[in-house]
Amino acid sequence: MPKQKTHKGLAKRIKVTKTGKVRFFSPNSRHLKSNKTGLAVQTYRKGKFARSGDMKMYGKLLNRGLLSQEQHEVLRSAKAESPSAAKG
């Protein structure tokens, strides 16, 4: 039986954070910036997090479970609420 392999092209373009979020940088940001607006160039500098619609595809390509930024926020808020509810 063949092994499940990680999609190396995707693995080189993204970073999976400790909490399972997928971080990446915008395409089209390396060169040919003279014809782009200053605001567009500024937005290229900041990394982005993958959205929930893409996570199923990324999980299949990387063979692991992943969280989108929205899912991470929901889990973090649920954890923050549960200890306070247990105390009171």
PDB file of N, CA and C in Angstrom:
ATOM      1  N   MET A   1       0.835  -1.179   0.000  1.00  0.00           N
ATOM      2  CA  MET A   1       0.000   0.000   0.000  1.00  0.00           C
ATOM      3  C   MET A   1       0.889   1.254   0.000  1.00  0.00           C
ATOM      4  N   PRO A   2       0.654   2.199  -0.921  1.00  0.00           N
ATOM      5  CA  PRO A   2       1.490   3.399  -0.943  1.00  0.00           C
ATOM      6  C   PRO A   2       1.216   4.306   0.253  1.00  0.00           C
ATOM      7  N   LYS A   3       2.237   5.070   0.624  1.00  0.00           N
ATOM      8  CA  LYS A   3       2.119   5.982   1.758  1.00  0.00           C
ATOM      9  C   LYS A   3       1.430   7.275   1.336  1.00  0.00           C
ATOM     10  N   GLN A   4       0.777   7.917   2.292  1.00  0.00           N
ATOM     11  CA  GLN A   4       0.222   9.246   2.061  1.00  0.00           C
ATOM     12  C   GLN A   4       1.366  10.248   2.139  1.00  0.00           C
ATOM     13  N   LYS A   5       1.489  11.084   1.125  1.00  0.00           N
ATOM     14  CA  LYS A   5       2.590  12.028   1.092  1.00  0.00           C
ATOM     15  C   LYS A   5       2.080  13.458   1.184  1.00  0.00           C
ATOM     16  N   THR A   6       2.861  14.286   1.826  1.00  0.00           N
ATOM     17  CA  THR A   6       2.555  15.698   1.929  1.00  0.00           C
ATOM     18  C   THR A   6       2.752  16.367   0.581  1.00  0.00           C
ATOM     19  N   HIS A   7       1.879  17.293   0.237  1.00  0.00           N
ATOM     20  CA  HIS A   7       2.024  18.055  -0.993  1.00  0.00           C
ATOM     21  C   HIS A   7       3.140  19.074  -0.784  1.00  0.00           C
ATOM     22  N   LYS A   8       4.296  18.832  -1.362  1.00  0.00           N
ATOM     23  CA  LYS A   8       5.487  19.628  -1.082  1.00  0.00           C
ATOM     24  C   LYS A   8       5.367  21.062  -1.583  1.00  0.00           C
ATOM     25  N   GLY A   9       4.654  21.277  -2.679  1.00  0.00           N
ATOM     26  CA  GLY A   9       4.480  22.629  -3.179  1.00  0.00           C
ATOM     27  C   GLY A   9       3.712  23.492  -2.195  1.00  0.00           C
ATOM     28  N   LEU A  10       2.677  22.923  -1.581  1.00  0.00           N
ATOM     29  CA  LEU A  10       1.914  23.662  -0.582  1.00  0.00           C
ATOM     30  C   LEU A  10       2.716  23.812   0.700  1.00  0.00           C
ATOM     31  N   ALA A  11       3.434  22.784   1.087  1.00  0.00           N
ATOM     32  CA  ALA A  11       4.198  22.827   2.337  1.00  0.00           C
ATOM     33  C   ALA A  11       5.276  23.909   2.299  1.00  0.00           C
ATOM     34  N   LYS A  12       5.804  24.220   1.120  1.00  0.00           N
ATOM     35  CA  LYS A  12       6.826  25.250   0.997  1.00  0.00           C
ATOM     36  C   LYS A  12       6.238  26.658   1.047  1.00  0.00           C
ATOM     37  N   ARG A  13       4.950  26.795   0.763  1.00  0.00           N
ATOM     38  CA  ARG A  13       4.330  28.107   0.667  1.00  0.00           C
ATOM     39  C   ARG A  13       3.595  28.530   1.928  1.00  0.00           C
ATOM     40  N   ILE A  14       3.342  27.602   2.836  1.00  0.00           N
ATOM     41  CA  ILE A  14       2.591  27.934   4.042  1.00  0.00           C
ATOM     42  C   ILE A  14       3.369  27.524   5.279  1.00  0.00           C
ATOM     43  N   LYS A  15       2.914  28.047   6.412  1.00  0.00           N
ATOM     44  CA  LYS A  15       3.453  27.633   7.700  1.00  0.00           C
ATOM     45  C   LYS A  15       2.267  27.308   8.586  1.00  0.00           C
ATOM     46  N   VAL A  16       2.298  26.169   9.226  1.00  0.00           N
ATOM     47  CA  VAL A  16       1.246  25.791  10.162  1.00  0.00           C
ATOM     48  C   VAL A  16       1.703  26.213  11.548  1.00  0.00           C
ATOM     49  N   THR A  17       0.915  27.037  12.204  1.00  0.00           N
ATOM     50  CA  THR A  17       1.287  27.548  13.515  1.00  0.00           C
ATOM     51  C   THR A  17       1.080  26.477  14.585  1.00  0.00           C
ATOM     52  N   LYS A  18       1.492  26.789  15.786  1.00  0.00           N
ATOM     53  CA  LYS A  18       1.375  25.848  16.903  1.00  0.00           C
ATOM     54  C   LYS A  18      -0.078  25.464  17.164  1.00  0.00           C
ATOM     55  N   THR A  19      -0.989  26.405  16.976  1.00  0.00           N
ATOM     56  CA  THR A  19      -2.397  26.143  17.236  1.00  0.00           C
ATOM     57  C   THR A  19      -3.107  25.508  16.050  1.00  0.00           C
ATOM     58  N   GLY A  20      -2.395  25.305  14.923  1.00  0.00           N
ATOM     59  CA  GLY A  20      -2.989  24.637  13.770  1.00  0.00           C
ATOM     60  C   GLY A  20      -3.509  25.573  12.702  1.00  0.00           C
ATOM     61  N   LYS A  21      -3.303  26.876  12.853  1.00  0.00           N
ATOM     62  CA  LYS A  21      -3.721  27.809  11.821  1.00  0.00           C
ATOM     63  C   LYS A  21      -2.708  27.784  10.676  1.00  0.00           C
ATOM     64  N   VAL A  22      -3.173  28.117   9.482  1.00  0.00           N
ATOM     65  CA  VAL A  22      -2.311  28.131   8.301  1.00  0.00           C
ATOM     66  C   VAL A  22      -1.991  29.577   7.957  1.00  0.00           C
ATOM     67  N   ARG A  23      -0.713  29.922   7.977  1.00  0.00           N
ATOM     68  CA  ARG A  23      -0.257  31.268   7.675  1.00  0.00           C
ATOM     69  C   ARG A  23       0.466  31.251   6.338  1.00  0.00           C
ATOM     70  N   PHE A  24       0.240  32.279   5.519  1.00  0.00           N
ATOM     71  CA  PHE A  24       0.901  32.381   4.225  1.00  0.00           C
ATOM     72  C   PHE A  24       1.063  33.845   3.858  1.00  0.00           C
ATOM     73  N   PHE A  25       1.876  34.104   2.867  1.00  0.00           N
ATOM     74  CA  PHE A  25       2.070  35.457   2.367  1.00  0.00           C
ATOM     75  C   PHE A  25       1.466  35.569   0.973  1.00  0.00           C
ATOM     76  N   SER A  26       1.064  36.773   0.632  1.00  0.00           N
ATOM     77  CA  SER A  26       0.347  37.008  -0.611  1.00  0.00           C
ATOM     78  C   SER A  26       1.204  36.704  -1.827  1.00  0.00           C
ATOM     79  N   PRO A  27       0.607  36.148  -2.860  1.00  0.00           N
ATOM     80  CA  PRO A  27       1.328  36.015  -4.126  1.00  0.00           C
ATOM     81  C   PRO A  27       1.431  37.380  -4.805  1.00  0.00           C
ATOM     82  N   ASN A  28       2.226  37.464  -5.834  1.00  0.00           N
ATOM     83  CA  ASN A  28       2.442  38.690  -6.624  1.00  0.00           C
ATOM     84  C   ASN A  28       3.118  39.791  -5.821  1.00  0.00           C
ATOM     85  N   SER A  29       3.858  39.449  -4.780  1.00  0.00           N
ATOM     86  CA  SER A  29       4.442  40.483  -3.924  1.00  0.00           C
ATOM     87  C   SER A  29       5.965  40.540  -4.011  1.00  0.00           C
ATOM     88  N   ARG A  30       6.582  39.788  -4.886  1.00  0.00           N
ATOM     89  CA  ARG A  30       8.034  39.697  -4.902  1.00  0.00           C
ATOM     90  C   ARG A  30       8.698  40.750  -5.775  1.00  0.00           C
ATOM     91  N   HIS A  31       8.177  40.978  -6.958  1.00  0.00           N
ATOM     92  CA  HIS A  31       8.818  41.924  -7.875  1.00  0.00           C
ATOM     93  C   HIS A  31       7.741  42.591  -8.726  1.00  0.00           C
ATOM     94  N   LEU A  32       8.138  43.454  -9.640  1.00  0.00           N
ATOM     95  CA  LEU A  32       7.233  44.233 -10.489  1.00  0.00           C
ATOM     96  C   LEU A  32       6.283  45.064  -9.632  1.00  0.00           C
ATOM     97  N   LYS A  33       6.838  45.761  -8.656  1.00  0.00           N
ATOM     98  CA  LYS A  33       6.010  46.547  -7.744  1.00  0.00           C
ATOM     99  C   LYS A  33       5.785  47.970  -8.225  1.00  0.00           C
ATOM    100  N   SER A  34       6.483  48.393  -9.255  1.00  0.00           N
ATOM    101  CA  SER A  34       6.380  49.791  -9.681  1.00  0.00           C
ATOM    102  C   SER A  34       5.006  50.114 -10.249  1.00  0.00           C
ATOM    103  N   ASN A  35       4.317  49.145 -10.802  1.00  0.00           N
ATOM    104  CA  ASN A  35       2.996  49.412 -11.366  1.00  0.00           C
ATOM    105  C   ASN A  35       1.878  49.125 -10.355  1.00  0.00           C
ATOM    106  N   LYS A  36       2.220  48.794  -9.120  1.00  0.00           N
ATOM    107  CA  LYS A  36       1.219  48.556  -8.090  1.00  0.00           C
ATOM    108  C   LYS A  36       1.110  49.799  -7.203  1.00  0.00           C
ATOM    109  N   THR A  37      -0.048  49.975  -6.609  1.00  0.00           N
ATOM    110  CA  THR A  37      -0.239  51.125  -5.727  1.00  0.00           C
ATOM    111  C   THR A  37       0.519  50.905  -4.421  1.00  0.00           C
ATOM    112  N   GLY A  38       0.795  51.995  -3.720  1.00  0.00           N
ATOM    113  CA  GLY A  38       1.505  51.900  -2.447  1.00  0.00           C
ATOM    114  C   GLY A  38       0.729  51.095  -1.425  1.00  0.00           C
ATOM    115  N   LEU A  39      -0.596  51.240  -1.436  1.00  0.00           N
ATOM    116  CA  LEU A  39      -1.428  50.500  -0.490  1.00  0.00           C
ATOM    117  C   LEU A  39      -1.363  48.999  -0.766  1.00  0.00           C
ATOM    118  N   ALA A  40      -1.339  48.625  -2.038  1.00  0.00           N
ATOM    119  CA  ALA A  40      -1.235  47.209  -2.385  1.00  0.00           C
ATOM    120  C   ALA A  40       0.096  46.634  -1.912  1.00  0.00           C
ATOM    121  N   VAL A  41       1.169  47.379  -2.099  1.00  0.00           N
ATOM    122  CA  VAL A  41       2.490  46.919  -1.679  1.00  0.00           C
ATOM    123  C   VAL A  41       2.552  46.783  -0.159  1.00  0.00           C
ATOM    124  N   GLN A  42       1.916  47.704   0.563  1.00  0.00           N
ATOM    125  CA  GLN A  42       1.890  47.625   2.025  1.00  0.00           C
ATOM    126  C   GLN A  42       1.145  46.383   2.499  1.00  0.00           C
ATOM    127  N   THR A  43       0.053  46.050   1.840  1.00  0.00           N
ATOM    128  CA  THR A  43      -0.724  44.883   2.274  1.00  0.00           C
ATOM    129  C   THR A  43       0.001  43.575   1.979  1.00  0.00           C
ATOM    130  N   TYR A  44       0.901  43.578   1.004  1.00  0.00           N
ATOM    131  CA  TYR A  44       1.674  42.373   0.709  1.00  0.00           C
ATOM    132  C   TYR A  44       2.632  42.028   1.852  1.00  0.00           C
ATOM    133  N   ARG A  45       3.047  43.000   2.630  1.00  0.00           N
ATOM    134  CA  ARG A  45       4.046  42.765   3.678  1.00  0.00           C
ATOM    135  C   ARG A  45       3.518  41.914   4.820  1.00  0.00           C
ATOM    136  N   LYS A  46       2.247  42.021   5.078  1.00  0.00           N
ATOM    137  CA  LYS A  46       1.665  41.329   6.222  1.00  0.00           C
ATOM    138  C   LYS A  46       1.202  39.937   5.819  1.00  0.00           C
ATOM    139  N   GLY A  47       1.502  38.951   6.665  1.00  0.00           N
ATOM    140  CA  GLY A  47       1.050  37.592   6.407  1.00  0.00           C
ATOM    141  C   GLY A  47      -0.436  37.453   6.628  1.00  0.00           C
ATOM    142  N   LYS A  48      -1.024  36.449   6.012  1.00  0.00           N
ATOM    143  CA  LYS A  48      -2.456  36.211   6.125  1.00  0.00           C
ATOM    144  C   LYS A  48      -2.688  34.822   6.674  1.00  0.00           C
ATOM    145  N   PHE A  49      -3.902  34.609   7.197  1.00  0.00           N
ATOM    146  CA  PHE A  49      -4.300  33.296   7.667  1.00  0.00           C
ATOM    147  C   PHE A  49      -5.351  32.737   6.724  1.00  0.00           C
ATOM    148  N   ALA A  50      -5.300  31.434   6.492  1.00  0.00           N
ATOM    149  CA  ALA A  50      -6.249  30.790   5.595  1.00  0.00           C
ATOM    150  C   ALA A  50      -7.642  30.817   6.194  1.00  0.00           C
ATOM    151  N   ARG A  51      -8.641  30.911   5.363  1.00  0.00           N
ATOM    152  CA  ARG A  51     -10.031  30.958   5.788  1.00  0.00           C
ATOM    153  C   ARG A  51     -10.618  29.552   5.859  1.00  0.00           C
ATOM    154  N   SER A  52     -11.786  29.462   6.445  1.00  0.00           N
ATOM    155  CA  SER A  52     -12.375  28.153   6.727  1.00  0.00           C
ATOM    156  C   SER A  52     -12.744  27.390   5.460  1.00  0.00           C
ATOM    157  N   GLY A  53     -13.050  28.099   4.365  1.00  0.00           N
ATOM    158  CA  GLY A  53     -13.420  27.421   3.128  1.00  0.00           C
ATOM    159  C   GLY A  53     -12.276  26.633   2.506  1.00  0.00           C
ATOM    160  N   ASP A  54     -11.045  27.020   2.802  1.00  0.00           N
ATOM    161  CA  ASP A  54      -9.885  26.358   2.214  1.00  0.00           C
ATOM    162  C   ASP A  54      -9.310  25.255   3.098  1.00  0.00           C
ATOM    163  N   MET A  55      -9.739  25.181   4.344  1.00  0.00           N
ATOM    164  CA  MET A  55      -9.069  24.306   5.301  1.00  0.00           C
ATOM    165  C   MET A  55      -9.232  22.825   4.975  1.00  0.00           C
ATOM    166  N   LYS A  56     -10.367  22.433   4.432  1.00  0.00           N
ATOM    167  CA  LYS A  56     -10.576  21.028   4.095  1.00  0.00           C
ATOM    168  C   LYS A  56      -9.583  20.593   3.014  1.00  0.00           C
ATOM    169  N   MET A  57      -9.403  21.452   2.013  1.00  0.00           N
ATOM    170  CA  MET A  57      -8.460  21.146   0.941  1.00  0.00           C
ATOM    171  C   MET A  57      -7.026  21.092   1.466  1.00  0.00           C
ATOM    172  N   TYR A  58      -6.648  22.070   2.303  1.00  0.00           N
ATOM    173  CA  TYR A  58      -5.299  22.085   2.866  1.00  0.00           C
ATOM    174  C   TYR A  58      -5.058  20.867   3.748  1.00  0.00           C
ATOM    175  N   GLY A  59      -6.054  20.474   4.505  1.00  0.00           N
ATOM    176  CA  GLY A  59      -5.920  19.297   5.364  1.00  0.00           C
ATOM    177  C   GLY A  59      -5.673  18.034   4.560  1.00  0.00           C
ATOM    178  N   LYS A  60      -6.358  17.917   3.438  1.00  0.00           N
ATOM    179  CA  LYS A  60      -6.162  16.738   2.589  1.00  0.00           C
ATOM    180  C   LYS A  60      -4.773  16.744   1.961  1.00  0.00           C
ATOM    181  N   LEU A  61      -4.313  17.914   1.516  1.00  0.00           N
ATOM    182  CA  LEU A  61      -3.008  17.993   0.873  1.00  0.00           C
ATOM    183  C   LEU A  61      -1.861  17.774   1.858  1.00  0.00           C
ATOM    184  N   LEU A  62      -2.058  18.193   3.108  1.00  0.00           N
ATOM    185  CA  LEU A  62      -0.997  18.066   4.109  1.00  0.00           C
ATOM    186  C   LEU A  62      -1.158  16.840   5.000  1.00  0.00           C
ATOM    187  N   ASN A  63      -2.282  16.138   4.879  1.00  0.00           N
ATOM    188  CA  ASN A  63      -2.554  14.924   5.666  1.00  0.00           C
ATOM    189  C   ASN A  63      -2.515  15.190   7.164  1.00  0.00           C
ATOM    190  N   ARG A  64      -3.171  16.264   7.586  1.00  0.00           N
ATOM    191  CA  ARG A  64      -3.276  16.556   9.009  1.00  0.00           C
ATOM    192  C   ARG A  64      -4.458  17.472   9.247  1.00  0.00           C
ATOM    193  N   GLY A  65      -4.920  17.518  10.484  1.00  0.00           N
ATOM    194  CA  GLY A  65      -6.025  18.388  10.838  1.00  0.00           C
ATOM    195  C   GLY A  65      -5.552  19.813  11.019  1.00  0.00           C
ATOM    196  N   LEU A  66      -6.335  20.764  10.544  1.00  0.00           N
ATOM    197  CA  LEU A  66      -5.966  22.171  10.604  1.00  0.00           C
ATOM    198  C   LEU A  66      -7.149  22.996  11.091  1.00  0.00           C
ATOM    199  N   LEU A  67      -6.866  24.184  11.607  1.00  0.00           N
ATOM    200  CA  LEU A  67      -7.891  25.117  12.044  1.00  0.00           C
ATOM    201  C   LEU A  67      -7.798  26.397  11.230  1.00  0.00           C
ATOM    202  N   SER A  68      -8.952  26.939  10.859  1.00  0.00           N
ATOM    203  CA  SER A  68      -8.945  28.260  10.245  1.00  0.00           C
ATOM    204  C   SER A  68      -8.881  29.298  11.351  1.00  0.00           C
ATOM    205  N   GLN A  69      -8.682  30.544  10.976  1.00  0.00           N
ATOM    206  CA  GLN A  69      -8.612  31.594  11.977  1.00  0.00           C
ATOM    207  C   GLN A  69      -9.950  31.738  12.690  1.00  0.00           C
ATOM    208  N   GLU A  70     -11.061  31.594  11.950  1.00  0.00           N
ATOM    209  CA  GLU A  70     -12.376  31.691  12.575  1.00  0.00           C
ATOM    210  C   GLU A  70     -12.592  30.567  13.577  1.00  0.00           C
ATOM    211  N   GLN A  71     -12.225  29.339  13.200  1.00  0.00           N
ATOM    212  CA  GLN A  71     -12.389  28.203  14.107  1.00  0.00           C
ATOM    213  C   GLN A  71     -11.531  28.368  15.346  1.00  0.00           C
ATOM    214  N   HIS A  72     -10.334  28.914  15.175  1.00  0.00           N
ATOM    215  CA  HIS A  72      -9.452  29.129  16.309  1.00  0.00           C
ATOM    216  C   HIS A  72     -10.055  30.145  17.284  1.00  0.00           C
ATOM    217  N   GLU A  73     -10.628  31.215  16.754  1.00  0.00           N
ATOM    218  CA  GLU A  73     -11.248  32.232  17.608  1.00  0.00           C
ATOM    219  C   GLU A  73     -12.430  31.657  18.383  1.00  0.00           C
ATOM    220  N   VAL A  74     -13.226  30.810  17.732  1.00  0.00           N
ATOM    221  CA  VAL A  74     -14.374  30.200  18.405  1.00  0.00           C
ATOM    222  C   VAL A  74     -13.902  29.303  19.538  1.00  0.00           C
ATOM    223  N   LEU A  75     -12.884  28.491  19.302  1.00  0.00           N
ATOM    224  CA  LEU A  75     -12.373  27.602  20.349  1.00  0.00           C
ATOM    225  C   LEU A  75     -11.763  28.398  21.498  1.00  0.00           C
ATOM    226  N   ARG A  76     -11.058  29.466  21.171  1.00  0.00           N
ATOM    227  CA  ARG A  76     -10.431  30.270  22.215  1.00  0.00           C
ATOM    228  C   ARG A  76     -11.492  30.953  23.082  1.00  0.00           C
ATOM    229  N   SER A  77     -12.552  31.451  22.463  1.00  0.00           N
ATOM    230  CA  SER A  77     -13.611  32.097  23.247  1.00  0.00           C
ATOM    231  C   SER A  77     -14.367  31.073  24.090  1.00  0.00           C
ATOM    232  N   ALA A  78     -14.539  29.850  23.568  1.00  0.00           N
ATOM    233  CA  ALA A  78     -15.213  28.808  24.343  1.00  0.00           C
ATOM    234  C   ALA A  78     -14.377  28.408  25.555  1.00  0.00           C
ATOM    235  N   LYS A  79     -13.056  28.344  25.390  1.00  0.00           N
ATOM    236  CA  LYS A  79     -12.179  28.014  26.516  1.00  0.00           C
ATOM    237  C   LYS A  79     -12.174  29.129  27.558  1.00  0.00           C
ATOM    238  N   ALA A  80     -12.242  30.371  27.088  1.00  0.00           N
ATOM    239  CA  ALA A  80     -12.235  31.501  28.011  1.00  0.00           C
ATOM    240  C   ALA A  80     -13.524  31.558  28.832  1.00  0.00           C
ATOM    241  N   GLU A  81     -14.629  31.162  28.231  1.00  0.00           N
ATOM    242  CA  GLU A  81     -15.912  31.205  28.927  1.00  0.00           C
ATOM    243  C   GLU A  81     -16.097  30.030  29.885  1.00  0.00           C
ATOM    244  N   SER A  82     -15.562  28.869  29.563  1.00  0.00           N
ATOM    245  CA  SER A  82     -15.819  27.685  30.377  1.00  0.00           C
ATOM    246  C   SER A  82     -15.218  27.759  31.778  1.00  0.00           C
ATOM    247  N   PRO A  83     -14.002  28.252  32.011  1.00  0.00           N
ATOM    248  CA  PRO A  83     -13.508  28.330  33.388  1.00  0.00           C
ATOM    249  C   PRO A  83     -14.294  29.305  34.258  1.00  0.00           C
ATOM    250  N   SER A  84     -14.726  30.414  33.675  1.00  0.00           N
ATOM    251  CA  SER A  84     -15.492  31.383  34.457  1.00  0.00           C
ATOM    252  C   SER A  84     -16.869  30.817  34.805  1.00  0.00           C
ATOM    253  N   ALA A  85     -17.447  30.013  33.919  1.00  0.00           N
ATOM    254  CA  ALA A  85     -18.749  29.397  34.200  1.00  0.00           C
ATOM    255  C   ALA A  85     -18.608  28.318  35.277  1.00  0.00           C
ATOM    256  N   ALA A  86     -17.481  27.633  35.291  1.00  0.00           N
ATOM    257  CA  ALA A  86     -17.266  26.580  36.290  1.00  0.00           C
ATOM    258  C   ALA A  86     -17.069  27.170  37.687  1.00  0.00           C
ATOM    259  N   LYS A  87     -16.418  28.334  37.756  1.00  0.00           N
ATOM    260  CA  LYS A  87     -16.172  28.968  39.066  1.00  0.00           C
ATOM    261  C   LYS A  87     -17.474  29.519  39.663  1.00  0.00           C
ATOM    262  N   GLY A  88     -18.319  30.146  38.802  1.00  0.00           N
ATOM    263  CA  GLY A  88     -19.519  30.814  39.307  1.00  0.00           C
ATOM    264  C   GLY A  88     -20.666  29.901  39.368  1.00  0.00           C
TER     265      GLY A  88
END
